[in-house]
């Protein structure tokens, strides 16, 4: 998580200090608005990377199952018995 945040802030810092920004004559309000939009987009990407889970289920034997709502597509599918489907 720290690496993601560090990457985002470094990207923003380098992007704002790039020559493309230096050529434009923008007011501080415009720069603040653009920076705010970039930060909101970065936070949106961070939130999308957090896995989502369903409510916990308690089985009769006392086991607790917490199912992932959107499983990662790069993981193999598993059946209830633990067998891997191909």
PDB file of N, CA and C in Angstrom:
ATOM      1  N   UNK A   1       0.827  -1.183   0.000  1.00  0.00           N
ATOM      2  CA  UNK A   1       0.000   0.000   0.000  1.00  0.00           C
ATOM      3  C   UNK A   1       0.875   1.252   0.000  1.00  0.00           C
ATOM      4  N   UNK A   2       1.966   1.193   0.769  1.00  0.00           N
ATOM      5  CA  UNK A   2       2.863   2.342   0.810  1.00  0.00           C
ATOM      6  C   UNK A   2       3.503   2.596  -0.544  1.00  0.00           C
ATOM      7  N   UNK A   3       3.832   1.509  -1.243  1.00  0.00           N
ATOM      8  CA  UNK A   3       4.455   1.662  -2.556  1.00  0.00           C
ATOM      9  C   UNK A   3       3.500   2.331  -3.530  1.00  0.00           C
ATOM     10  N   UNK A   4       2.220   1.976  -3.447  1.00  0.00           N
ATOM     11  CA  UNK A   4       1.224   2.572  -4.334  1.00  0.00           C
ATOM     12  C   UNK A   4       1.115   4.066  -4.063  1.00  0.00           C
ATOM     13  N   UNK A   5       1.000   4.429  -2.786  1.00  0.00           N
ATOM     14  CA  UNK A   5       0.873   5.839  -2.440  1.00  0.00           C
ATOM     15  C   UNK A   5       2.120   6.628  -2.825  1.00  0.00           C
ATOM     16  N   UNK A   6       3.288   6.040  -2.591  1.00  0.00           N
ATOM     17  CA  UNK A   6       4.533   6.706  -2.951  1.00  0.00           C
ATOM     18  C   UNK A   6       4.609   6.923  -4.456  1.00  0.00           C
ATOM     19  N   UNK A   7       4.222   5.922  -5.224  1.00  0.00           N
ATOM     20  CA  UNK A   7       4.233   6.034  -6.677  1.00  0.00           C
ATOM     21  C   UNK A   7       3.295   7.129  -7.150  1.00  0.00           C
ATOM     22  N   UNK A   8       2.116   7.185  -6.542  1.00  0.00           N
ATOM     23  CA  UNK A   8       1.134   8.197  -6.941  1.00  0.00           C
ATOM     24  C   UNK A   8       1.659   9.598  -6.657  1.00  0.00           C
ATOM     25  N   UNK A   9       2.171   9.810  -5.456  1.00  0.00           N
ATOM     26  CA  UNK A   9       2.639  11.141  -5.101  1.00  0.00           C
ATOM     27  C   UNK A   9       3.876  11.547  -5.894  1.00  0.00           C
ATOM     28  N   UNK A  10       4.766  10.598  -6.176  1.00  0.00           N
ATOM     29  CA  UNK A  10       5.921  10.921  -7.010  1.00  0.00           C
ATOM     30  C   UNK A  10       5.483  11.269  -8.428  1.00  0.00           C
ATOM     31  N   UNK A  11       4.514  10.520  -8.923  1.00  0.00           N
ATOM     32  CA  UNK A  11       3.983  10.812 -10.259  1.00  0.00           C
ATOM     33  C   UNK A  11       3.343  12.181 -10.326  1.00  0.00           C
ATOM     34  N   UNK A  12       2.599  12.521  -9.291  1.00  0.00           N
ATOM     35  CA  UNK A  12       1.987  13.848  -9.259  1.00  0.00           C
ATOM     36  C   UNK A  12       3.045  14.940  -9.174  1.00  0.00           C
ATOM     37  N   UNK A  13       4.049  14.721  -8.348  1.00  0.00           N
ATOM     38  CA  UNK A  13       5.100  15.729  -8.188  1.00  0.00           C
ATOM     39  C   UNK A  13       5.869  15.915  -9.493  1.00  0.00           C
ATOM     40  N   UNK A  14       6.199  14.824 -10.155  1.00  0.00           N
ATOM     41  CA  UNK A  14       6.926  14.928 -11.418  1.00  0.00           C
ATOM     42  C   UNK A  14       6.049  15.509 -12.519  1.00  0.00           C
ATOM     43  N   UNK A  15       4.775  15.159 -12.509  1.00  0.00           N
ATOM     44  CA  UNK A  15       3.854  15.672 -13.517  1.00  0.00           C
ATOM     45  C   UNK A  15       3.644  17.166 -13.390  1.00  0.00           C
ATOM     46  N   UNK A  16       3.521  17.660 -12.170  1.00  0.00           N
ATOM     47  CA  UNK A  16       3.299  19.085 -11.956  1.00  0.00           C
ATOM     48  C   UNK A  16       4.554  19.884 -12.276  1.00  0.00           C
ATOM     49  N   UNK A  17       5.719  19.305 -12.055  1.00  0.00           N
ATOM     50  CA  UNK A  17       6.956  20.040 -12.316  1.00  0.00           C
ATOM     51  C   UNK A  17       7.472  19.838 -13.742  1.00  0.00           C
ATOM     52  N   UNK A  18       6.731  19.137 -14.580  1.00  0.00           N
ATOM     53  CA  UNK A  18       7.182  18.873 -15.943  1.00  0.00           C
ATOM     54  C   UNK A  18       7.103  20.141 -16.792  1.00  0.00           C
ATOM     55  N   UNK A  19       7.829  20.196 -17.897  1.00  0.00           N
ATOM     56  CA  UNK A  19       7.811  21.371 -18.768  1.00  0.00           C
ATOM     57  C   UNK A  19       6.430  21.661 -19.354  1.00  0.00           C
ATOM     58  N   UNK A  20       5.589  20.648 -19.491  1.00  0.00           N
ATOM     59  CA  UNK A  20       4.243  20.870 -20.024  1.00  0.00           C
ATOM     60  C   UNK A  20       3.462  21.820 -19.123  1.00  0.00           C
ATOM     61  N   UNK A  21       3.644  21.681 -17.825  1.00  0.00           N
ATOM     62  CA  UNK A  21       2.966  22.580 -16.895  1.00  0.00           C
ATOM     63  C   UNK A  21       3.635  23.954 -16.869  1.00  0.00           C
ATOM     64  N   UNK A  22       4.921  23.994 -17.101  1.00  0.00           N
ATOM     65  CA  UNK A  22       5.642  25.262 -17.040  1.00  0.00           C
ATOM     66  C   UNK A  22       5.266  26.168 -18.208  1.00  0.00           C
ATOM     67  N   UNK A  23       4.926  25.584 -19.368  1.00  0.00           N
ATOM     68  CA  UNK A  23       4.574  26.383 -20.534  1.00  0.00           C
ATOM     69  C   UNK A  23       3.215  27.048 -20.385  1.00  0.00           C
ATOM     70  N   UNK A  24       2.322  26.447 -19.666  1.00  0.00           N
ATOM     71  CA  UNK A  24       0.970  26.977 -19.515  1.00  0.00           C
ATOM     72  C   UNK A  24       0.976  28.103 -18.483  1.00  0.00           C
ATOM     73  N   UNK A  25       0.224  29.128 -18.761  1.00  0.00           N
ATOM     74  CA  UNK A  25       0.023  30.206 -17.796  1.00  0.00           C
ATOM     75  C   UNK A  25      -1.319  29.945 -17.124  1.00  0.00           C
ATOM     76  N   UNK A  26      -1.277  29.291 -15.969  1.00  0.00           N
ATOM     77  CA  UNK A  26      -2.494  28.948 -15.250  1.00  0.00           C
ATOM     78  C   UNK A  26      -2.523  29.674 -13.917  1.00  0.00           C
ATOM     79  N   UNK A  27      -3.728  29.927 -13.484  1.00  0.00           N
ATOM     80  CA  UNK A  27      -3.884  30.542 -12.177  1.00  0.00           C
ATOM     81  C   UNK A  27      -3.694  29.478 -11.106  1.00  0.00           C
ATOM     82  N   UNK A  28      -3.394  29.879  -9.887  1.00  0.00           N
ATOM     83  CA  UNK A  28      -3.258  28.900  -8.803  1.00  0.00           C
ATOM     84  C   UNK A  28      -4.531  28.071  -8.608  1.00  0.00           C
ATOM     85  N   UNK A  29      -5.682  28.686  -8.837  1.00  0.00           N
ATOM     86  CA  UNK A  29      -6.951  27.953  -8.688  1.00  0.00           C
ATOM     87  C   UNK A  29      -7.048  26.820  -9.705  1.00  0.00           C
ATOM     88  N   UNK A  30      -6.619  27.085 -10.943  1.00  0.00           N
ATOM     89  CA  UNK A  30      -6.663  26.050 -11.977  1.00  0.00           C
ATOM     90  C   UNK A  30      -5.688  24.915 -11.658  1.00  0.00           C
ATOM     91  N   UNK A  31      -4.506  25.274 -11.195  1.00  0.00           N
ATOM     92  CA  UNK A  31      -3.535  24.249 -10.814  1.00  0.00           C
ATOM     93  C   UNK A  31      -4.049  23.407  -9.657  1.00  0.00           C
ATOM     94  N   UNK A  32      -4.673  24.061  -8.677  1.00  0.00           N
ATOM     95  CA  UNK A  32      -5.230  23.346  -7.530  1.00  0.00           C
ATOM     96  C   UNK A  32      -6.341  22.395  -7.973  1.00  0.00           C
ATOM     97  N   UNK A  33      -7.186  22.860  -8.895  1.00  0.00           N
ATOM     98  CA  UNK A  33      -8.290  22.015  -9.381  1.00  0.00           C
ATOM     99  C   UNK A  33      -7.752  20.789 -10.113  1.00  0.00           C
ATOM    100  N   UNK A  34      -6.757  20.984 -10.986  1.00  0.00           N
ATOM    101  CA  UNK A  34      -6.174  19.854 -11.711  1.00  0.00           C
ATOM    102  C   UNK A  34      -5.498  18.869 -10.750  1.00  0.00           C
ATOM    103  N   UNK A  35      -4.762  19.394  -9.776  1.00  0.00           N
ATOM    104  CA  UNK A  35      -4.106  18.530  -8.792  1.00  0.00           C
ATOM    105  C   UNK A  35      -5.117  17.749  -7.971  1.00  0.00           C
ATOM    106  N   UNK A  36      -6.202  18.405  -7.599  1.00  0.00           N
ATOM    107  CA  UNK A  36      -7.252  17.729  -6.824  1.00  0.00           C
ATOM    108  C   UNK A  36      -7.881  16.603  -7.631  1.00  0.00           C
ATOM    109  N   UNK A  37      -8.114  16.853  -8.916  1.00  0.00           N
ATOM    110  CA  UNK A  37      -8.692  15.815  -9.775  1.00  0.00           C
ATOM    111  C   UNK A  37      -7.759  14.615  -9.874  1.00  0.00           C
ATOM    112  N   UNK A  38      -6.454  14.873  -9.993  1.00  0.00           N
ATOM    113  CA  UNK A  38      -5.486  13.774 -10.078  1.00  0.00           C
ATOM    114  C   UNK A  38      -5.476  12.955  -8.790  1.00  0.00           C
ATOM    115  N   UNK A  39      -5.532  13.631  -7.660  1.00  0.00           N
ATOM    116  CA  UNK A  39      -5.524  12.925  -6.378  1.00  0.00           C
ATOM    117  C   UNK A  39      -6.783  12.090  -6.220  1.00  0.00           C
ATOM    118  N   UNK A  40      -7.934  12.624  -6.609  1.00  0.00           N
ATOM    119  CA  UNK A  40      -9.196  11.872  -6.513  1.00  0.00           C
ATOM    120  C   UNK A  40      -9.149  10.647  -7.418  1.00  0.00           C
ATOM    121  N   UNK A  41      -8.601  10.797  -8.636  1.00  0.00           N
ATOM    122  CA  UNK A  41      -8.474   9.648  -9.536  1.00  0.00           C
ATOM    123  C   UNK A  41      -7.541   8.594  -8.950  1.00  0.00           C
ATOM    124  N   UNK A  42      -6.452   9.028  -8.322  1.00  0.00           N
ATOM    125  CA  UNK A  42      -5.519   8.086  -7.706  1.00  0.00           C
ATOM    126  C   UNK A  42      -6.184   7.342  -6.550  1.00  0.00           C
ATOM    127  N   UNK A  43      -6.933   8.050  -5.719  1.00  0.00           N
ATOM    128  CA  UNK A  43      -7.640   7.399  -4.615  1.00  0.00           C
ATOM    129  C   UNK A  43      -8.695   6.419  -5.126  1.00  0.00           C
ATOM    130  N   UNK A  44      -9.354   6.777  -6.225  1.00  0.00           N
ATOM    131  CA  UNK A  44     -10.343   5.879  -6.827  1.00  0.00           C
ATOM    132  C   UNK A  44      -9.677   4.579  -7.274  1.00  0.00           C
ATOM    133  N   UNK A  45      -8.498   4.681  -7.875  1.00  0.00           N
ATOM    134  CA  UNK A  45      -7.769   3.476  -8.296  1.00  0.00           C
ATOM    135  C   UNK A  45      -7.351   2.626  -7.097  1.00  0.00           C
ATOM    136  N   UNK A  46      -6.934   3.273  -6.015  1.00  0.00           N
ATOM    137  CA  UNK A  46      -6.544   2.536  -4.813  1.00  0.00           C
ATOM    138  C   UNK A  46      -7.738   1.778  -4.250  1.00  0.00           C
ATOM    139  N   UNK A  47      -8.886   2.430  -4.182  1.00  0.00           N
ATOM    140  CA  UNK A  47     -10.086   1.780  -3.637  1.00  0.00           C
ATOM    141  C   UNK A  47     -10.536   0.616  -4.505  1.00  0.00           C
ATOM    142  N   UNK A  48     -10.328   0.716  -5.809  1.00  0.00           N
ATOM    143  CA  UNK A  48     -10.723  -0.382  -6.701  1.00  0.00           C
ATOM    144  C   UNK A  48      -9.825  -1.604  -6.541  1.00  0.00           C
ATOM    145  N   UNK A  49      -8.611  -1.423  -6.011  1.00  0.00           N
ATOM    146  CA  UNK A  49      -7.709  -2.562  -5.842  1.00  0.00           C
ATOM    147  C   UNK A  49      -7.981  -3.345  -4.565  1.00  0.00           C
ATOM    148  N   UNK A  50      -8.758  -2.777  -3.640  1.00  0.00           N
ATOM    149  CA  UNK A  50      -9.070  -3.458  -2.388  1.00  0.00           C
ATOM    150  C   UNK A  50     -10.125  -4.529  -2.673  1.00  0.00           C
ATOM    151  N   UNK A  51      -9.858  -5.781  -2.311  1.00  0.00           N
ATOM    152  CA  UNK A  51     -10.834  -6.845  -2.566  1.00  0.00           C
ATOM    153  C   UNK A  51     -12.111  -6.635  -1.758  1.00  0.00           C
ATOM    154  N   UNK A  52     -13.231  -7.069  -2.339  1.00  0.00           N
ATOM    155  CA  UNK A  52     -14.521  -6.948  -1.670  1.00  0.00           C
ATOM    156  C   UNK A  52     -14.961  -8.334  -1.195  1.00  0.00           C
ATOM    157  N   UNK A  53     -15.529  -8.363   0.008  1.00  0.00           N
ATOM    158  CA  UNK A  53     -15.937  -9.631   0.604  1.00  0.00           C
ATOM    159  C   UNK A  53     -17.406  -9.592   1.001  1.00  0.00           C
ATOM    160  N   UNK A  54     -18.039 -10.756   0.984  1.00  0.00           N
ATOM    161  CA  UNK A  54     -19.430 -10.903   1.419  1.00  0.00           C
ATOM    162  C   UNK A  54     -19.462 -11.005   2.942  1.00  0.00           C
ATOM    163  N   UNK A  55     -20.661 -10.958   3.497  1.00  0.00           N
ATOM    164  CA  UNK A  55     -20.813 -11.093   4.946  1.00  0.00           C
ATOM    165  C   UNK A  55     -20.347 -12.490   5.369  1.00  0.00           C
ATOM    166  N   UNK A  56     -19.733 -12.619   6.542  1.00  0.00           N
ATOM    167  CA  UNK A  56     -19.262 -13.928   7.010  1.00  0.00           C
ATOM    168  C   UNK A  56     -20.431 -14.897   7.225  1.00  0.00           C
ATOM    169  N   UNK A  57     -20.172 -16.170   6.924  1.00  0.00           N
ATOM    170  CA  UNK A  57     -21.163 -17.235   7.146  1.00  0.00           C
ATOM    171  C   UNK A  57     -20.610 -18.187   8.204  1.00  0.00           C
ATOM    172  N   UNK A  58     -21.438 -18.547   9.171  1.00  0.00           N
ATOM    173  CA  UNK A  58     -21.030 -19.504  10.202  1.00  0.00           C
ATOM    174  C   UNK A  58     -21.685 -20.840   9.870  1.00  0.00           C
ATOM    175  N   UNK A  59     -20.857 -21.874   9.688  1.00  0.00           N
ATOM    176  CA  UNK A  59     -21.364 -23.210   9.378  1.00  0.00           C
ATOM    177  C   UNK A  59     -21.780 -23.921  10.661  1.00  0.00           C
ATOM    178  N   UNK A  60     -22.471 -25.071  10.490  1.00  0.00           N
ATOM    179  CA  UNK A  60     -22.951 -25.837  11.646  1.00  0.00           C
ATOM    180  C   UNK A  60     -21.808 -26.314  12.540  1.00  0.00           C
ATOM    181  N   UNK A  61     -20.658 -26.592  11.936  1.00  0.00           N
ATOM    182  CA  UNK A  61     -19.523 -27.088  12.728  1.00  0.00           C
ATOM    183  C   UNK A  61     -18.709 -25.948  13.357  1.00  0.00           C
ATOM    184  N   UNK A  62     -19.141 -24.700  13.170  1.00  0.00           N
ATOM    185  CA  UNK A  62     -18.469 -23.564  13.781  1.00  0.00           C
ATOM    186  C   UNK A  62     -17.472 -22.859  12.881  1.00  0.00           C
ATOM    187  N   UNK A  63     -17.219 -23.432  11.700  1.00  0.00           N
ATOM    188  CA  UNK A  63     -16.308 -22.770  10.766  1.00  0.00           C
ATOM    189  C   UNK A  63     -16.932 -21.477  10.256  1.00  0.00           C
ATOM    190  N   UNK A  64     -16.091 -20.500  10.019  1.00  0.00           N
ATOM    191  CA  UNK A  64     -16.545 -19.218   9.483  1.00  0.00           C
ATOM    192  C   UNK A  64     -15.978 -19.066   8.077  1.00  0.00           C
ATOM    193  N   UNK A  65     -16.851 -18.780   7.118  1.00  0.00           N
ATOM    194  CA  UNK A  65     -16.439 -18.612   5.732  1.00  0.00           C
ATOM    195  C   UNK A  65     -16.694 -17.157   5.335  1.00  0.00           C
ATOM    196  N   UNK A  66     -15.664 -16.531   4.790  1.00  0.00           N
ATOM    197  CA  UNK A  66     -15.802 -15.180   4.249  1.00  0.00           C
ATOM    198  C   UNK A  66     -15.468 -15.274   2.768  1.00  0.00           C
ATOM    199  N   UNK A  67     -16.475 -15.126   1.937  1.00  0.00           N
ATOM    200  CA  UNK A  67     -16.296 -15.296   0.495  1.00  0.00           C
ATOM    201  C   UNK A  67     -15.939 -13.969  -0.168  1.00  0.00           C
ATOM    202  N   UNK A  68     -15.033 -14.045  -1.129  1.00  0.00           N
ATOM    203  CA  UNK A  68     -14.664 -12.866  -1.911  1.00  0.00           C
ATOM    204  C   UNK A  68     -15.735 -12.655  -2.980  1.00  0.00           C
ATOM    205  N   UNK A  69     -16.217 -11.427  -3.122  1.00  0.00           N
ATOM    206  CA  UNK A  69     -17.277 -11.134  -4.095  1.00  0.00           C
ATOM    207  C   UNK A  69     -16.727 -11.160  -5.515  1.00  0.00           C
ATOM    208  N   UNK A  70     -15.613 -10.486  -5.748  1.00  0.00           N
ATOM    209  CA  UNK A  70     -14.998 -10.445  -7.073  1.00  0.00           C
ATOM    210  C   UNK A  70     -13.642 -11.121  -6.993  1.00  0.00           C
ATOM    211  N   UNK A  71     -13.572 -12.435  -7.230  1.00  0.00           N
ATOM    212  CA  UNK A  71     -12.271 -13.101  -7.150  1.00  0.00           C
ATOM    213  C   UNK A  71     -11.363 -12.618  -8.277  1.00  0.00           C
ATOM    214  N   UNK A  72     -10.066 -12.632  -8.009  1.00  0.00           N
ATOM    215  CA  UNK A  72      -9.102 -12.227  -9.019  1.00  0.00           C
ATOM    216  C   UNK A  72      -9.159 -13.207 -10.176  1.00  0.00           C
ATOM    217  N   UNK A  73      -9.075 -12.700 -11.390  1.00  0.00           N
ATOM    218  CA  UNK A  73      -9.196 -13.546 -12.571  1.00  0.00           C
ATOM    219  C   UNK A  73      -7.960 -14.398 -12.812  1.00  0.00           C
ATOM    220  N   UNK A  74      -6.799 -14.059 -12.233  1.00  0.00           N
ATOM    221  CA  UNK A  74      -5.595 -14.831 -12.486  1.00  0.00           C
ATOM    222  C   UNK A  74      -5.463 -16.038 -11.560  1.00  0.00           C
ATOM    223  N   UNK A  75      -6.401 -16.220 -10.623  1.00  0.00           N
ATOM    224  CA  UNK A  75      -6.369 -17.376  -9.740  1.00  0.00           C
ATOM    225  C   UNK A  75      -7.258 -18.471 -10.314  1.00  0.00           C
ATOM    226  N   UNK A  76      -6.853 -19.756 -10.171  1.00  0.00           N
ATOM    227  CA  UNK A  76      -7.700 -20.838 -10.681  1.00  0.00           C
ATOM    228  C   UNK A  76      -8.982 -20.945  -9.864  1.00  0.00           C
ATOM    229  N   UNK A  77     -10.053 -21.376 -10.536  1.00  0.00           N
ATOM    230  CA  UNK A  77     -11.332 -21.559  -9.848  1.00  0.00           C
ATOM    231  C   UNK A  77     -11.290 -22.831  -9.015  1.00  0.00           C
ATOM    232  N   UNK A  78     -11.858 -22.782  -7.808  1.00  0.00           N
ATOM    233  CA  UNK A  78     -11.899 -23.950  -6.944  1.00  0.00           C
ATOM    234  C   UNK A  78     -13.343 -24.314  -6.647  1.00  0.00           C
ATOM    235  N   UNK A  79     -13.608 -25.613  -6.573  1.00  0.00           N
ATOM    236  CA  UNK A  79     -14.930 -26.066  -6.190  1.00  0.00           C
ATOM    237  C   UNK A  79     -15.006 -26.117  -4.689  1.00  0.00           C
ATOM    238  N   UNK A  80     -16.169 -26.454  -4.131  1.00  0.00           N
ATOM    239  CA  UNK A  80     -16.336 -26.537  -2.695  1.00  0.00           C
ATOM    240  C   UNK A  80     -15.453 -27.608  -2.070  1.00  0.00           C
ATOM    241  N   UNK A  81     -15.112 -28.635  -2.837  1.00  0.00           N
ATOM    242  CA  UNK A  81     -14.273 -29.722  -2.314  1.00  0.00           C
ATOM    243  C   UNK A  81     -12.785 -29.380  -2.389  1.00  0.00           C
ATOM    244  N   UNK A  82     -12.432 -28.221  -2.944  1.00  0.00           N
ATOM    245  CA  UNK A  82     -11.045 -27.836  -3.018  1.00  0.00           C
ATOM    246  C   UNK A  82     -10.351 -28.273  -4.297  1.00  0.00           C
ATOM    247  N   UNK A  83     -11.093 -28.888  -5.232  1.00  0.00           N
ATOM    248  CA  UNK A  83     -10.515 -29.314  -6.493  1.00  0.00           C
ATOM    249  C   UNK A  83     -10.379 -28.109  -7.418  1.00  0.00           C
ATOM    250  N   UNK A  84      -9.304 -28.070  -8.158  1.00  0.00           N
ATOM    251  CA  UNK A  84      -9.082 -26.962  -9.087  1.00  0.00           C
ATOM    252  C   UNK A  84      -9.718 -27.290 -10.419  1.00  0.00           C
ATOM    253  N   UNK A  85     -10.541 -26.342 -10.892  1.00  0.00           N
ATOM    254  CA  UNK A  85     -11.162 -26.501 -12.217  1.00  0.00           C
ATOM    255  C   UNK A  85     -10.292 -25.818 -13.252  1.00  0.00           C
ATOM    256  N   UNK A  86     -10.198 -26.417 -14.438  1.00  0.00           N
ATOM    257  CA  UNK A  86      -9.410 -25.799 -15.517  1.00  0.00           C
ATOM    258  C   UNK A  86     -10.294 -25.372 -16.643  1.00  0.00           C
TER     259      UNK A  86
END
